[in-house]
Amino acid sequence: MKSIGLGLLHLTLLTMLIACGKENESGKKDSWNYNNPYTSPYGVNYTNINSPYSYGNLKVADVMNQNPCRSSTGQFNNQRIQIQIPLTQFPTVIPAGDIYVGVTSYGDVAVLAGQATGQPPLFVGYMCQRSFAPNGQGQLLGVKIGSYSRCSFKPITAATVMFPGGATAEFRWMDGGSSQGTRFPAPLCL
Protein backbone atom coordinates (compact mmCIF):
# COMPACT_ATOMS: atom_id res chain seq x y z
CA MET A 1 0.00 0.00 0.00
CA LYS A 2 2.84 2.43 0.88
CA SER A 3 4.66 1.64 -2.38
CA ILE A 4 1.55 2.46 -4.43
CA GLY A 5 1.10 5.76 -2.56
CA LEU A 6 4.79 6.61 -2.93
CA GLY A 7 4.72 5.72 -6.63
CA LEU A 8 1.65 7.91 -7.13
CA LEU A 9 3.39 10.76 -5.32
CA HIS A 10 6.46 10.46 -7.59
CA LEU A 11 4.25 10.35 -10.69
CA THR A 12 2.38 13.46 -9.53
CA LEU A 13 5.63 15.35 -8.83
CA LEU A 14 7.07 14.33 -12.21
CA THR A 15 3.93 15.50 -13.97
CA MET A 16 4.08 18.87 -12.18
CA LEU A 17 7.76 19.34 -13.06
CA ILE A 18 7.08 18.69 -16.73
CA ALA A 19 3.93 20.86 -16.81
CA CYS A 20 5.53 23.77 -14.95
CA GLY A 21 8.81 23.99 -16.86
CA LYS A 22 10.20 27.43 -17.65
CA GLU A 23 9.30 27.18 -21.37
CA ASN A 24 5.74 26.00 -20.73
CA GLU A 25 3.12 28.57 -21.67
CA SER A 26 0.01 26.44 -21.21
CA GLY A 27 -2.67 28.32 -19.39
CA LYS A 28 -1.34 31.65 -20.66
CA LYS A 29 -4.27 33.95 -21.42
CA ASP A 30 -3.81 35.49 -24.86
CA SER A 31 -7.15 37.21 -24.44
CA TRP A 32 -5.55 39.79 -22.11
CA ASN A 33 -3.22 41.03 -24.83
CA TYR A 34 -4.01 42.95 -27.99
CA ASN A 35 -1.38 41.85 -30.47
CA ASN A 36 -2.98 42.25 -33.86
CA PRO A 37 -0.36 43.77 -36.16
CA TYR A 38 -1.15 46.79 -38.28
CA THR A 39 1.13 48.03 -41.00
CA SER A 40 1.58 51.63 -41.91
CA PRO A 41 3.94 53.36 -44.36
CA TYR A 42 6.41 55.74 -42.78
CA GLY A 43 7.31 58.83 -44.74
CA VAL A 44 10.66 60.56 -44.90
CA ASN A 45 9.41 64.06 -44.22
CA TYR A 46 10.35 64.87 -40.63
CA THR A 47 8.91 68.17 -39.51
CA ASN A 48 7.99 70.04 -36.36
CA ILE A 49 4.48 68.66 -35.90
CA ASN A 50 1.80 70.27 -33.77
CA SER A 51 -0.86 67.80 -32.63
CA PRO A 52 -4.50 68.92 -32.80
CA TYR A 53 -5.45 66.67 -29.85
CA SER A 54 -6.26 68.16 -26.46
CA TYR A 55 -8.00 67.46 -23.17
CA GLY A 56 -9.50 70.50 -21.52
CA ASN A 57 -6.84 73.21 -21.62
CA LEU A 58 -4.01 70.70 -22.07
CA LYS A 59 -2.65 69.93 -25.52
CA VAL A 60 -0.68 66.93 -26.73
CA ALA A 61 1.71 69.52 -28.18
CA ASP A 62 2.57 70.37 -24.54
CA VAL A 63 3.54 66.72 -24.00
CA MET A 64 5.76 66.82 -27.12
CA ASN A 65 7.46 69.99 -25.85
CA GLN A 66 8.20 68.32 -22.50
CA ASN A 67 9.27 65.04 -24.17
CA PRO A 68 11.70 66.17 -26.90
CA CYS A 69 13.25 63.72 -29.35
CA ARG A 70 16.70 62.41 -28.45
CA SER A 71 19.29 61.66 -31.08
CA SER A 72 21.97 59.00 -30.93
CA THR A 73 24.37 61.72 -29.74
CA GLY A 74 22.07 62.63 -26.85
CA GLN A 75 20.96 65.91 -28.41
CA PHE A 76 17.30 66.90 -28.24
CA ASN A 77 15.19 68.13 -31.13
CA ASN A 78 11.57 67.92 -32.19
CA GLN A 79 11.86 66.50 -35.69
CA ARG A 80 8.99 64.01 -35.97
CA ILE A 81 6.90 62.17 -38.48
CA GLN A 82 3.26 61.39 -37.93
CA ILE A 83 1.87 57.90 -38.45
CA GLN A 84 -1.84 57.10 -38.30
CA ILE A 85 -3.15 53.57 -37.86
CA PRO A 86 -6.86 52.77 -37.42
CA LEU A 87 -7.31 49.92 -34.92
CA THR A 88 -10.14 48.05 -36.61
CA GLN A 89 -10.10 45.08 -34.22
CA PHE A 90 -9.47 46.97 -30.96
CA PRO A 91 -11.47 45.28 -28.16
CA THR A 92 -12.35 48.46 -26.23
CA VAL A 93 -14.83 51.13 -27.28
CA ILE A 94 -13.31 54.59 -27.13
CA PRO A 95 -15.91 57.37 -27.40
CA ALA A 96 -15.48 60.12 -29.97
CA GLY A 97 -13.21 62.87 -28.65
CA ASP A 98 -11.73 60.68 -25.91
CA ILE A 99 -7.92 60.37 -26.01
CA TYR A 100 -5.18 58.31 -24.37
CA VAL A 101 -1.51 59.40 -24.44
CA GLY A 102 1.75 57.47 -24.17
CA VAL A 103 5.44 58.35 -24.51
CA THR A 104 8.82 56.69 -25.05
CA SER A 105 12.11 57.56 -23.41
CA TYR A 106 13.40 58.37 -26.93
CA GLY A 107 10.86 61.23 -27.18
CA ASP A 108 8.07 59.68 -29.25
CA VAL A 109 4.49 60.60 -28.30
CA ALA A 110 1.38 58.59 -29.17
CA VAL A 111 -2.31 59.34 -29.00
CA LEU A 112 -5.12 56.80 -29.16
CA ALA A 113 -8.18 58.82 -30.18
CA GLY A 114 -11.84 57.87 -30.28
CA GLN A 115 -13.47 58.62 -33.62
CA ALA A 116 -17.08 59.10 -34.74
CA THR A 117 -19.60 56.37 -33.95
CA GLY A 118 -18.91 53.30 -36.05
CA GLN A 119 -15.29 54.28 -36.72
CA PRO A 120 -12.37 52.44 -35.10
CA PRO A 121 -10.08 54.29 -32.67
CA LEU A 122 -7.06 55.88 -34.31
CA PHE A 123 -3.47 55.40 -33.13
CA VAL A 124 -1.47 58.51 -34.00
CA GLY A 125 2.27 58.30 -33.43
CA TYR A 126 4.49 61.36 -33.45
CA MET A 127 7.71 59.48 -34.09
CA CYS A 128 11.18 60.92 -33.63
CA GLN A 129 13.67 60.76 -36.46
CA ARG A 130 15.76 57.59 -36.57
CA SER A 131 18.67 57.05 -38.93
CA PHE A 132 17.97 53.31 -39.12
CA ALA A 133 14.32 53.74 -40.13
CA PRO A 134 14.03 56.61 -42.61
CA ASN A 135 11.25 54.91 -44.57
CA GLY A 136 9.59 51.57 -45.14
CA GLN A 137 6.90 49.64 -43.30
CA GLY A 138 6.28 49.33 -39.59
CA GLN A 139 3.98 47.40 -37.31
CA LEU A 140 1.99 48.36 -34.25
CA LEU A 141 1.69 45.65 -31.59
CA GLY A 142 0.33 45.18 -28.07
CA VAL A 143 -1.73 48.35 -27.61
CA LYS A 144 -3.00 48.55 -24.01
CA ILE A 145 -4.75 51.39 -22.25
CA GLY A 146 -5.42 52.18 -18.61
CA SER A 147 -7.91 54.23 -16.69
CA TYR A 148 -5.82 55.66 -13.84
CA SER A 149 -2.79 57.91 -14.04
CA ARG A 150 -1.23 60.66 -11.95
CA CYS A 151 -1.11 62.61 -15.19
CA SER A 152 -3.97 64.55 -16.78
CA PHE A 153 -4.26 62.41 -19.92
CA LYS A 154 -5.65 58.88 -19.79
CA PRO A 155 -2.70 56.50 -20.29
CA ILE A 156 -1.54 54.28 -23.08
CA THR A 157 0.12 51.77 -20.76
CA ALA A 158 1.84 49.81 -23.53
CA ALA A 159 2.25 49.84 -27.29
CA THR A 160 5.11 48.77 -29.53
CA VAL A 161 5.96 50.27 -32.90
CA MET A 162 8.29 47.89 -34.73
CA PHE A 163 10.50 49.54 -37.33
CA PRO A 164 11.97 47.90 -40.43
CA GLY A 165 14.91 45.79 -39.34
CA GLY A 166 13.38 44.90 -35.96
CA ALA A 167 14.12 47.99 -33.83
CA THR A 168 11.19 49.08 -31.65
CA ALA A 169 9.67 52.09 -29.92
CA GLU A 170 8.09 51.01 -26.63
CA PHE A 171 5.32 53.33 -25.47
CA ARG A 172 4.40 53.63 -21.80
CA TRP A 173 2.34 55.99 -19.70
CA MET A 174 3.54 59.47 -18.83
CA ASP A 175 3.87 58.63 -15.12
CA GLY A 176 7.30 57.12 -15.91
CA GLY A 177 8.77 60.52 -16.80
CA SER A 178 9.99 62.28 -19.91
CA SER A 179 12.80 61.67 -22.38
CA GLN A 180 14.85 64.15 -20.33
CA GLY A 181 14.73 61.84 -17.31
CA THR A 182 12.43 64.14 -15.35
CA ARG A 183 8.79 64.07 -14.28
CA PHE A 184 6.30 65.84 -16.50
CA PRO A 185 5.50 69.18 -14.82
CA ALA A 186 2.08 70.29 -13.57
CA PRO A 187 -0.52 70.56 -14.93
CA LEU A 188 0.46 67.63 -17.18
CA CYS A 189 1.18 65.41 -14.16
CA LEU A 190 0.75 65.77 -10.41
C-alpha atoms as a PDB file:
ATOM      1  CA  MET A   1       0.000   0.000   0.000  1.00  0.00           C
ATOM      2  CA  LYS A   2       2.839   2.432   0.882  1.00  0.00           C
ATOM      3  CA  SER A   3       4.660   1.642  -2.376  1.00  0.00           C
ATOM      4  CA  ILE A   4       1.548   2.463  -4.433  1.00  0.00           C
ATOM      5  CA  GLY A   5       1.095   5.757  -2.557  1.00  0.00           C
ATOM      6  CA  LEU A   6       4.793   6.607  -2.927  1.00  0.00           C
ATOM      7  CA  GLY A   7       4.722   5.719  -6.634  1.00  0.00           C
ATOM      8  CA  LEU A   8       1.652   7.905  -7.131  1.00  0.00           C
ATOM      9  CA  LEU A   9       3.387  10.762  -5.320  1.00  0.00           C
ATOM     10  CA  HIS A  10       6.458  10.457  -7.586  1.00  0.00           C
ATOM     11  CA  LEU A  11       4.248  10.347 -10.691  1.00  0.00           C
ATOM     12  CA  THR A  12       2.379  13.459  -9.534  1.00  0.00           C
ATOM     13  CA  LEU A  13       5.628  15.350  -8.832  1.00  0.00           C
ATOM     14  CA  LEU A  14       7.074  14.327 -12.206  1.00  0.00           C
ATOM     15  CA  THR A  15       3.926  15.502 -13.970  1.00  0.00           C
ATOM     16  CA  MET A  16       4.084  18.867 -12.180  1.00  0.00           C
ATOM     17  CA  LEU A  17       7.759  19.338 -13.061  1.00  0.00           C
ATOM     18  CA  ILE A  18       7.076  18.695 -16.729  1.00  0.00           C
ATOM     19  CA  ALA A  19       3.933  20.856 -16.811  1.00  0.00           C
ATOM     20  CA  CYS A  20       5.534  23.765 -14.955  1.00  0.00           C
ATOM     21  CA  GLY A  21       8.809  23.986 -16.863  1.00  0.00           C
ATOM     22  CA  LYS A  22      10.197  27.425 -17.653  1.00  0.00           C
ATOM     23  CA  GLU A  23       9.300  27.182 -21.366  1.00  0.00           C
ATOM     24  CA  ASN A  24       5.742  26.000 -20.726  1.00  0.00           C
ATOM     25  CA  GLU A  25       3.119  28.572 -21.670  1.00  0.00           C
ATOM     26  CA  SER A  26       0.014  26.442 -21.206  1.00  0.00           C
ATOM     27  CA  GLY A  27      -2.673  28.323 -19.395  1.00  0.00           C
ATOM     28  CA  LYS A  28      -1.344  31.645 -20.660  1.00  0.00           C
ATOM     29  CA  LYS A  29      -4.271  33.947 -21.417  1.00  0.00           C
ATOM     30  CA  ASP A  30      -3.812  35.485 -24.856  1.00  0.00           C
ATOM     31  CA  SER A  31      -7.147  37.213 -24.437  1.00  0.00           C
ATOM     32  CA  TRP A  32      -5.551  39.790 -22.107  1.00  0.00           C
ATOM     33  CA  ASN A  33      -3.225  41.035 -24.829  1.00  0.00           C
ATOM     34  CA  TYR A  34      -4.006  42.949 -27.989  1.00  0.00           C
ATOM     35  CA  ASN A  35      -1.380  41.848 -30.466  1.00  0.00           C
ATOM     36  CA  ASN A  36      -2.981  42.251 -33.856  1.00  0.00           C
ATOM     37  CA  PRO A  37      -0.364  43.773 -36.164  1.00  0.00           C
ATOM     38  CA  TYR A  38      -1.145  46.789 -38.281  1.00  0.00           C
ATOM     39  CA  THR A  39       1.129  48.027 -41.004  1.00  0.00           C
ATOM     40  CA  SER A  40       1.579  51.632 -41.913  1.00  0.00           C
ATOM     41  CA  PRO A  41       3.936  53.364 -44.356  1.00  0.00           C
ATOM     42  CA  TYR A  42       6.410  55.742 -42.776  1.00  0.00           C
ATOM     43  CA  GLY A  43       7.305  58.834 -44.742  1.00  0.00           C
ATOM     44  CA  VAL A  44      10.661  60.558 -44.904  1.00  0.00           C
ATOM     45  CA  ASN A  45       9.411  64.062 -44.220  1.00  0.00           C
ATOM     46  CA  TYR A  46      10.349  64.867 -40.627  1.00  0.00           C
ATOM     47  CA  THR A  47       8.907  68.172 -39.511  1.00  0.00           C
ATOM     48  CA  ASN A  48       7.994  70.036 -36.357  1.00  0.00           C
ATOM     49  CA  ILE A  49       4.484  68.664 -35.901  1.00  0.00           C
ATOM     50  CA  ASN A  50       1.804  70.266 -33.772  1.00  0.00           C
ATOM     51  CA  SER A  51      -0.863  67.799 -32.630  1.00  0.00           C
ATOM     52  CA  PRO A  52      -4.501  68.916 -32.797  1.00  0.00           C
ATOM     53  CA  TYR A  53      -5.452  66.669 -29.846  1.00  0.00           C
ATOM     54  CA  SER A  54      -6.258  68.159 -26.460  1.00  0.00           C
ATOM     55  CA  TYR A  55      -8.003  67.455 -23.165  1.00  0.00           C
ATOM     56  CA  GLY A  56      -9.501  70.496 -21.522  1.00  0.00           C
ATOM     57  CA  ASN A  57      -6.844  73.207 -21.620  1.00  0.00           C
ATOM     58  CA  LEU A  58      -4.012  70.700 -22.072  1.00  0.00           C
ATOM     59  CA  LYS A  59      -2.651  69.934 -25.519  1.00  0.00           C
ATOM     60  CA  VAL A  60      -0.679  66.928 -26.732  1.00  0.00           C
ATOM     61  CA  ALA A  61       1.710  69.519 -28.183  1.00  0.00           C
ATOM     62  CA  ASP A  62       2.569  70.374 -24.539  1.00  0.00           C
ATOM     63  CA  VAL A  63       3.542  66.721 -23.998  1.00  0.00           C
ATOM     64  CA  MET A  64       5.755  66.824 -27.115  1.00  0.00           C
ATOM     65  CA  ASN A  65       7.459  69.988 -25.848  1.00  0.00           C
ATOM     66  CA  GLN A  66       8.201  68.319 -22.496  1.00  0.00           C
ATOM     67  CA  ASN A  67       9.272  65.043 -24.173  1.00  0.00           C
ATOM     68  CA  PRO A  68      11.700  66.170 -26.903  1.00  0.00           C
ATOM     69  CA  CYS A  69      13.247  63.723 -29.352  1.00  0.00           C
ATOM     70  CA  ARG A  70      16.699  62.412 -28.448  1.00  0.00           C
ATOM     71  CA  SER A  71      19.286  61.664 -31.083  1.00  0.00           C
ATOM     72  CA  SER A  72      21.972  58.995 -30.934  1.00  0.00           C
ATOM     73  CA  THR A  73      24.366  61.717 -29.739  1.00  0.00           C
ATOM     74  CA  GLY A  74      22.068  62.635 -26.850  1.00  0.00           C
ATOM     75  CA  GLN A  75      20.962  65.915 -28.412  1.00  0.00           C
ATOM     76  CA  PHE A  76      17.299  66.895 -28.239  1.00  0.00           C
ATOM     77  CA  ASN A  77      15.190  68.131 -31.132  1.00  0.00           C
ATOM     78  CA  ASN A  78      11.567  67.918 -32.192  1.00  0.00           C
ATOM     79  CA  GLN A  79      11.864  66.502 -35.693  1.00  0.00           C
ATOM     80  CA  ARG A  80       8.992  64.005 -35.969  1.00  0.00           C
ATOM     81  CA  ILE A  81       6.899  62.166 -38.484  1.00  0.00           C
ATOM     82  CA  GLN A  82       3.256  61.385 -37.928  1.00  0.00           C
ATOM     83  CA  ILE A  83       1.867  57.897 -38.455  1.00  0.00           C
ATOM     84  CA  GLN A  84      -1.838  57.098 -38.301  1.00  0.00           C
ATOM     85  CA  ILE A  85      -3.146  53.567 -37.855  1.00  0.00           C
ATOM     86  CA  PRO A  86      -6.857  52.766 -37.420  1.00  0.00           C
ATOM     87  CA  LEU A  87      -7.308  49.920 -34.915  1.00  0.00           C
ATOM     88  CA  THR A  88     -10.136  48.050 -36.614  1.00  0.00           C
ATOM     89  CA  GLN A  89     -10.104  45.077 -34.218  1.00  0.00           C
ATOM     90  CA  PHE A  90      -9.470  46.972 -30.965  1.00  0.00           C
ATOM     91  CA  PRO A  91     -11.465  45.279 -28.165  1.00  0.00           C
ATOM     92  CA  THR A  92     -12.347  48.462 -26.229  1.00  0.00           C
ATOM     93  CA  VAL A  93     -14.828  51.125 -27.281  1.00  0.00           C
ATOM     94  CA  ILE A  94     -13.305  54.594 -27.132  1.00  0.00           C
ATOM     95  CA  PRO A  95     -15.909  57.369 -27.396  1.00  0.00           C
ATOM     96  CA  ALA A  96     -15.476  60.124 -29.972  1.00  0.00           C
ATOM     97  CA  GLY A  97     -13.206  62.871 -28.653  1.00  0.00           C
ATOM     98  CA  ASP A  98     -11.730  60.683 -25.907  1.00  0.00           C
ATOM     99  CA  ILE A  99      -7.917  60.367 -26.011  1.00  0.00           C
ATOM    100  CA  TYR A 100      -5.178  58.312 -24.365  1.00  0.00           C
ATOM    101  CA  VAL A 101      -1.514  59.403 -24.436  1.00  0.00           C
ATOM    102  CA  GLY A 102       1.746  57.474 -24.166  1.00  0.00           C
ATOM    103  CA  VAL A 103       5.439  58.346 -24.511  1.00  0.00           C
ATOM    104  CA  THR A 104       8.817  56.691 -25.051  1.00  0.00           C
ATOM    105  CA  SER A 105      12.111  57.556 -23.413  1.00  0.00           C
ATOM    106  CA  TYR A 106      13.397  58.370 -26.928  1.00  0.00           C
ATOM    107  CA  GLY A 107      10.863  61.226 -27.179  1.00  0.00           C
ATOM    108  CA  ASP A 108       8.066  59.675 -29.245  1.00  0.00           C
ATOM    109  CA  VAL A 109       4.495  60.596 -28.295  1.00  0.00           C
ATOM    110  CA  ALA A 110       1.382  58.587 -29.165  1.00  0.00           C
ATOM    111  CA  VAL A 111      -2.315  59.337 -29.004  1.00  0.00           C
ATOM    112  CA  LEU A 112      -5.124  56.798 -29.159  1.00  0.00           C
ATOM    113  CA  ALA A 113      -8.181  58.820 -30.180  1.00  0.00           C
ATOM    114  CA  GLY A 114     -11.842  57.867 -30.281  1.00  0.00           C
ATOM    115  CA  GLN A 115     -13.466  58.618 -33.619  1.00  0.00           C
ATOM    116  CA  ALA A 116     -17.075  59.096 -34.742  1.00  0.00           C
ATOM    117  CA  THR A 117     -19.603  56.370 -33.948  1.00  0.00           C
ATOM    118  CA  GLY A 118     -18.908  53.296 -36.050  1.00  0.00           C
ATOM    119  CA  GLN A 119     -15.288  54.284 -36.723  1.00  0.00           C
ATOM    120  CA  PRO A 120     -12.369  52.438 -35.102  1.00  0.00           C
ATOM    121  CA  PRO A 121     -10.084  54.287 -32.672  1.00  0.00           C
ATOM    122  CA  LEU A 122      -7.064  55.876 -34.314  1.00  0.00           C
ATOM    123  CA  PHE A 123      -3.475  55.396 -33.130  1.00  0.00           C
ATOM    124  CA  VAL A 124      -1.473  58.514 -33.996  1.00  0.00           C
ATOM    125  CA  GLY A 125       2.266  58.299 -33.428  1.00  0.00           C
ATOM    126  CA  TYR A 126       4.491  61.362 -33.452  1.00  0.00           C
ATOM    127  CA  MET A 127       7.707  59.475 -34.094  1.00  0.00           C
ATOM    128  CA  CYS A 128      11.182  60.920 -33.627  1.00  0.00           C
ATOM    129  CA  GLN A 129      13.674  60.759 -36.465  1.00  0.00           C
ATOM    130  CA  ARG A 130      15.763  57.588 -36.567  1.00  0.00           C
ATOM    131  CA  SER A 131      18.673  57.051 -38.929  1.00  0.00           C
ATOM    132  CA  PHE A 132      17.973  53.308 -39.118  1.00  0.00           C
ATOM    133  CA  ALA A 133      14.322  53.738 -40.134  1.00  0.00           C
ATOM    134  CA  PRO A 134      14.027  56.615 -42.612  1.00  0.00           C
ATOM    135  CA  ASN A 135      11.248  54.907 -44.569  1.00  0.00           C
ATOM    136  CA  GLY A 136       9.587  51.569 -45.137  1.00  0.00           C
ATOM    137  CA  GLN A 137       6.903  49.637 -43.303  1.00  0.00           C
ATOM    138  CA  GLY A 138       6.282  49.330 -39.595  1.00  0.00           C
ATOM    139  CA  GLN A 139       3.984  47.402 -37.307  1.00  0.00           C
ATOM    140  CA  LEU A 140       1.988  48.364 -34.246  1.00  0.00           C
ATOM    141  CA  LEU A 141       1.686  45.647 -31.595  1.00  0.00           C
ATOM    142  CA  GLY A 142       0.326  45.182 -28.072  1.00  0.00           C
ATOM    143  CA  VAL A 143      -1.730  48.346 -27.608  1.00  0.00           C
ATOM    144  CA  LYS A 144      -3.002  48.554 -24.012  1.00  0.00           C
ATOM    145  CA  ILE A 145      -4.748  51.392 -22.247  1.00  0.00           C
ATOM    146  CA  GLY A 146      -5.422  52.179 -18.610  1.00  0.00           C
ATOM    147  CA  SER A 147      -7.914  54.234 -16.687  1.00  0.00           C
ATOM    148  CA  TYR A 148      -5.824  55.664 -13.845  1.00  0.00           C
ATOM    149  CA  SER A 149      -2.787  57.906 -14.038  1.00  0.00           C
ATOM    150  CA  ARG A 150      -1.225  60.660 -11.948  1.00  0.00           C
ATOM    151  CA  CYS A 151      -1.109  62.614 -15.195  1.00  0.00           C
ATOM    152  CA  SER A 152      -3.970  64.549 -16.779  1.00  0.00           C
ATOM    153  CA  PHE A 153      -4.260  62.412 -19.915  1.00  0.00           C
ATOM    154  CA  LYS A 154      -5.651  58.877 -19.786  1.00  0.00           C
ATOM    155  CA  PRO A 155      -2.697  56.504 -20.287  1.00  0.00           C
ATOM    156  CA  ILE A 156      -1.543  54.280 -23.082  1.00  0.00           C
ATOM    157  CA  THR A 157       0.116  51.772 -20.755  1.00  0.00           C
ATOM    158  CA  ALA A 158       1.843  49.811 -23.526  1.00  0.00           C
ATOM    159  CA  ALA A 159       2.253  49.842 -27.292  1.00  0.00           C
ATOM    160  CA  THR A 160       5.113  48.767 -29.535  1.00  0.00           C
ATOM    161  CA  VAL A 161       5.958  50.271 -32.903  1.00  0.00           C
ATOM    162  CA  MET A 162       8.291  47.892 -34.728  1.00  0.00           C
ATOM    163  CA  PHE A 163      10.501  49.539 -37.333  1.00  0.00           C
ATOM    164  CA  PRO A 164      11.966  47.904 -40.431  1.00  0.00           C
ATOM    165  CA  GLY A 165      14.914  45.788 -39.336  1.00  0.00           C
ATOM    166  CA  GLY A 166      13.378  44.899 -35.965  1.00  0.00           C
ATOM    167  CA  ALA A 167      14.123  47.991 -33.827  1.00  0.00           C
ATOM    168  CA  THR A 168      11.194  49.081 -31.653  1.00  0.00           C
ATOM    169  CA  ALA A 169       9.667  52.094 -29.920  1.00  0.00           C
ATOM    170  CA  GLU A 170       8.094  51.008 -26.629  1.00  0.00           C
ATOM    171  CA  PHE A 171       5.317  53.328 -25.473  1.00  0.00           C
ATOM    172  CA  ARG A 172       4.396  53.635 -21.803  1.00  0.00           C
ATOM    173  CA  TRP A 173       2.336  55.987 -19.696  1.00  0.00           C
ATOM    174  CA  MET A 174       3.543  59.468 -18.827  1.00  0.00           C
ATOM    175  CA  ASP A 175       3.868  58.629 -15.118  1.00  0.00           C
ATOM    176  CA  GLY A 176       7.304  57.120 -15.912  1.00  0.00           C
ATOM    177  CA  GLY A 177       8.772  60.516 -16.800  1.00  0.00           C
ATOM    178  CA  SER A 178       9.985  62.280 -19.911  1.00  0.00           C
ATOM    179  CA  SER A 179      12.801  61.673 -22.375  1.00  0.00           C
ATOM    180  CA  GLN A 180      14.846  64.149 -20.334  1.00  0.00           C
ATOM    181  CA  GLY A 181      14.728  61.844 -17.310  1.00  0.00           C
ATOM    182  CA  THR A 182      12.433  64.141 -15.352  1.00  0.00           C
ATOM    183  CA  ARG A 183       8.793  64.075 -14.284  1.00  0.00           C
ATOM    184  CA  PHE A 184       6.298  65.842 -16.502  1.00  0.00           C
ATOM    185  CA  PRO A 185       5.496  69.179 -14.824  1.00  0.00           C
ATOM    186  CA  ALA A 186       2.081  70.294 -13.565  1.00  0.00           C
ATOM    187  CA  PRO A 187      -0.517  70.563 -14.925  1.00  0.00           C
ATOM    188  CA  LEU A 188       0.457  67.633 -17.185  1.00  0.00           C
ATOM    189  CA  CYS A 189       1.181  65.411 -14.160  1.00  0.00           C
ATOM    190  CA  LEU A 190       0.746  65.774 -10.414  1.00  0.00           C
END
